[in-house]
Amino acid sequence: MEDIRHRDLSQIPEDEMSPEERRELKRRFEEFVGLMRRPSVANKIGAKPSEKKLQRWDPASMGRRRSR
């Protein structure tokens, strides 16, 4: 029997997939998400990335001269 990990599941409609194929598709997605995260978080598939404080960009303040 063919190994499901090597099967192309992209052409099968979701409603026609077997439970085994759905589990494999979910596993592949979780692995992909884990690889797309930062390296420190990549080992924890499905974990939330650390929240980094963002500084808002203000175009008005960019053109102002700074007082010395």
C-alpha atoms as a PDB file:
ATOM      1  CA  MET A   1       0.000   0.000   0.000  1.00  0.00           C
ATOM      2  CA  GLU A   2       1.151   3.535  -0.787  1.00  0.00           C
ATOM      3  CA  ASP A   3       2.454   5.672   2.081  1.00  0.00           C
ATOM      4  CA  ILE A   4       0.001   8.533   2.660  1.00  0.00           C
ATOM      5  CA  ARG A   5       2.831  10.924   3.599  1.00  0.00           C
ATOM      6  CA  HIS A   6       3.950  10.932  -0.047  1.00  0.00           C
ATOM      7  CA  ARG A   7       0.508  11.110  -1.640  1.00  0.00           C
ATOM      8  CA  ASP A   8      -0.603  14.270  -3.479  1.00  0.00           C
ATOM      9  CA  LEU A   9      -3.707  15.424  -1.603  1.00  0.00           C
ATOM     10  CA  SER A  10      -4.060  18.750  -3.408  1.00  0.00           C
ATOM     11  CA  GLN A  11      -6.455  17.482  -6.078  1.00  0.00           C
ATOM     12  CA  ILE A  12      -8.896  15.715  -3.732  1.00  0.00           C
ATOM     13  CA  PRO A  13     -11.921  17.758  -2.600  1.00  0.00           C
ATOM     14  CA  GLU A  14     -12.126  17.929   1.192  1.00  0.00           C
ATOM     15  CA  ASP A  15     -15.574  16.319   1.348  1.00  0.00           C
ATOM     16  CA  GLU A  16     -14.201  13.279  -0.532  1.00  0.00           C
ATOM     17  CA  MET A  17     -11.184  12.776   1.763  1.00  0.00           C
ATOM     18  CA  SER A  18     -10.971   9.859   4.145  1.00  0.00           C
ATOM     19  CA  PRO A  19     -10.353  10.584   7.853  1.00  0.00           C
ATOM     20  CA  GLU A  20      -6.768   9.377   7.395  1.00  0.00           C
ATOM     21  CA  GLU A  21      -6.203  11.847   4.537  1.00  0.00           C
ATOM     22  CA  ARG A  22      -7.662  14.702   6.602  1.00  0.00           C
ATOM     23  CA  ARG A  23      -5.332  13.896   9.513  1.00  0.00           C
ATOM     24  CA  GLU A  24      -2.350  13.867   7.141  1.00  0.00           C
ATOM     25  CA  LEU A  25      -3.377  17.203   5.622  1.00  0.00           C
ATOM     26  CA  LYS A  26      -3.700  18.710   9.108  1.00  0.00           C
ATOM     27  CA  ARG A  27      -0.277  17.332  10.082  1.00  0.00           C
ATOM     28  CA  ARG A  28       1.302  18.881   6.975  1.00  0.00           C
ATOM     29  CA  PHE A  29      -0.331  22.233   7.711  1.00  0.00           C
ATOM     30  CA  GLU A  30       0.881  22.245  11.332  1.00  0.00           C
ATOM     31  CA  GLU A  31       4.384  21.345  10.179  1.00  0.00           C
ATOM     32  CA  PHE A  32       4.304  24.186   7.630  1.00  0.00           C
ATOM     33  CA  VAL A  33       3.118  26.694  10.238  1.00  0.00           C
ATOM     34  CA  GLY A  34       5.897  25.597  12.544  1.00  0.00           C
ATOM     35  CA  LEU A  35       8.511  26.116   9.853  1.00  0.00           C
ATOM     36  CA  MET A  36       7.221  29.587   9.005  1.00  0.00           C
ATOM     37  CA  ARG A  37       7.609  30.847  12.558  1.00  0.00           C
ATOM     38  CA  ARG A  38      10.821  32.224  13.978  1.00  0.00           C
ATOM     39  CA  PRO A  39      13.521  29.610  14.637  1.00  0.00           C
ATOM     40  CA  SER A  40      13.125  29.874  18.413  1.00  0.00           C
ATOM     41  CA  VAL A  41       9.462  28.911  18.091  1.00  0.00           C
ATOM     42  CA  ALA A  42       9.743  26.538  15.123  1.00  0.00           C
ATOM     43  CA  ASN A  43      10.181  23.494  17.347  1.00  0.00           C
ATOM     44  CA  LYS A  44       6.825  24.124  19.009  1.00  0.00           C
ATOM     45  CA  ILE A  45       4.371  23.509  16.181  1.00  0.00           C
ATOM     46  CA  GLY A  46       1.136  25.335  16.841  1.00  0.00           C
ATOM     47  CA  ALA A  47       2.566  27.639  19.537  1.00  0.00           C
ATOM     48  CA  LYS A  48       1.840  31.350  19.337  1.00  0.00           C
ATOM     49  CA  PRO A  49       4.773  33.539  18.320  1.00  0.00           C
ATOM     50  CA  SER A  50       6.050  35.950  20.938  1.00  0.00           C
ATOM     51  CA  GLU A  51       4.348  39.300  20.764  1.00  0.00           C
ATOM     52  CA  LYS A  52       6.740  42.061  19.840  1.00  0.00           C
ATOM     53  CA  LYS A  53       5.850  45.651  20.686  1.00  0.00           C
ATOM     54  CA  LEU A  54       5.334  47.603  17.489  1.00  0.00           C
ATOM     55  CA  GLN A  55       6.153  51.256  17.066  1.00  0.00           C
ATOM     56  CA  ARG A  56       3.577  53.078  14.979  1.00  0.00           C
ATOM     57  CA  TRP A  57       4.909  54.863  11.939  1.00  0.00           C
ATOM     58  CA  ASP A  58       4.062  58.572  11.945  1.00  0.00           C
ATOM     59  CA  PRO A  59       4.940  60.349   8.677  1.00  0.00           C
ATOM     60  CA  ALA A  60       4.420  63.806  10.288  1.00  0.00           C
ATOM     61  CA  SER A  61       7.120  63.216  12.870  1.00  0.00           C
ATOM     62  CA  MET A  62       9.535  61.823  10.292  1.00  0.00           C
ATOM     63  CA  GLY A  63       9.975  65.242   8.617  1.00  0.00           C
ATOM     64  CA  ARG A  64      10.375  67.261  11.824  1.00  0.00           C
ATOM     65  CA  ARG A  65      13.791  68.443  12.886  1.00  0.00           C
ATOM     66  CA  ARG A  66      14.891  67.240  16.257  1.00  0.00           C
ATOM     67  CA  SER A  67      15.839  69.931  18.770  1.00  0.00           C
ATOM     68  CA  ARG A  68      19.321  69.640  20.229  1.00  0.00           C
END
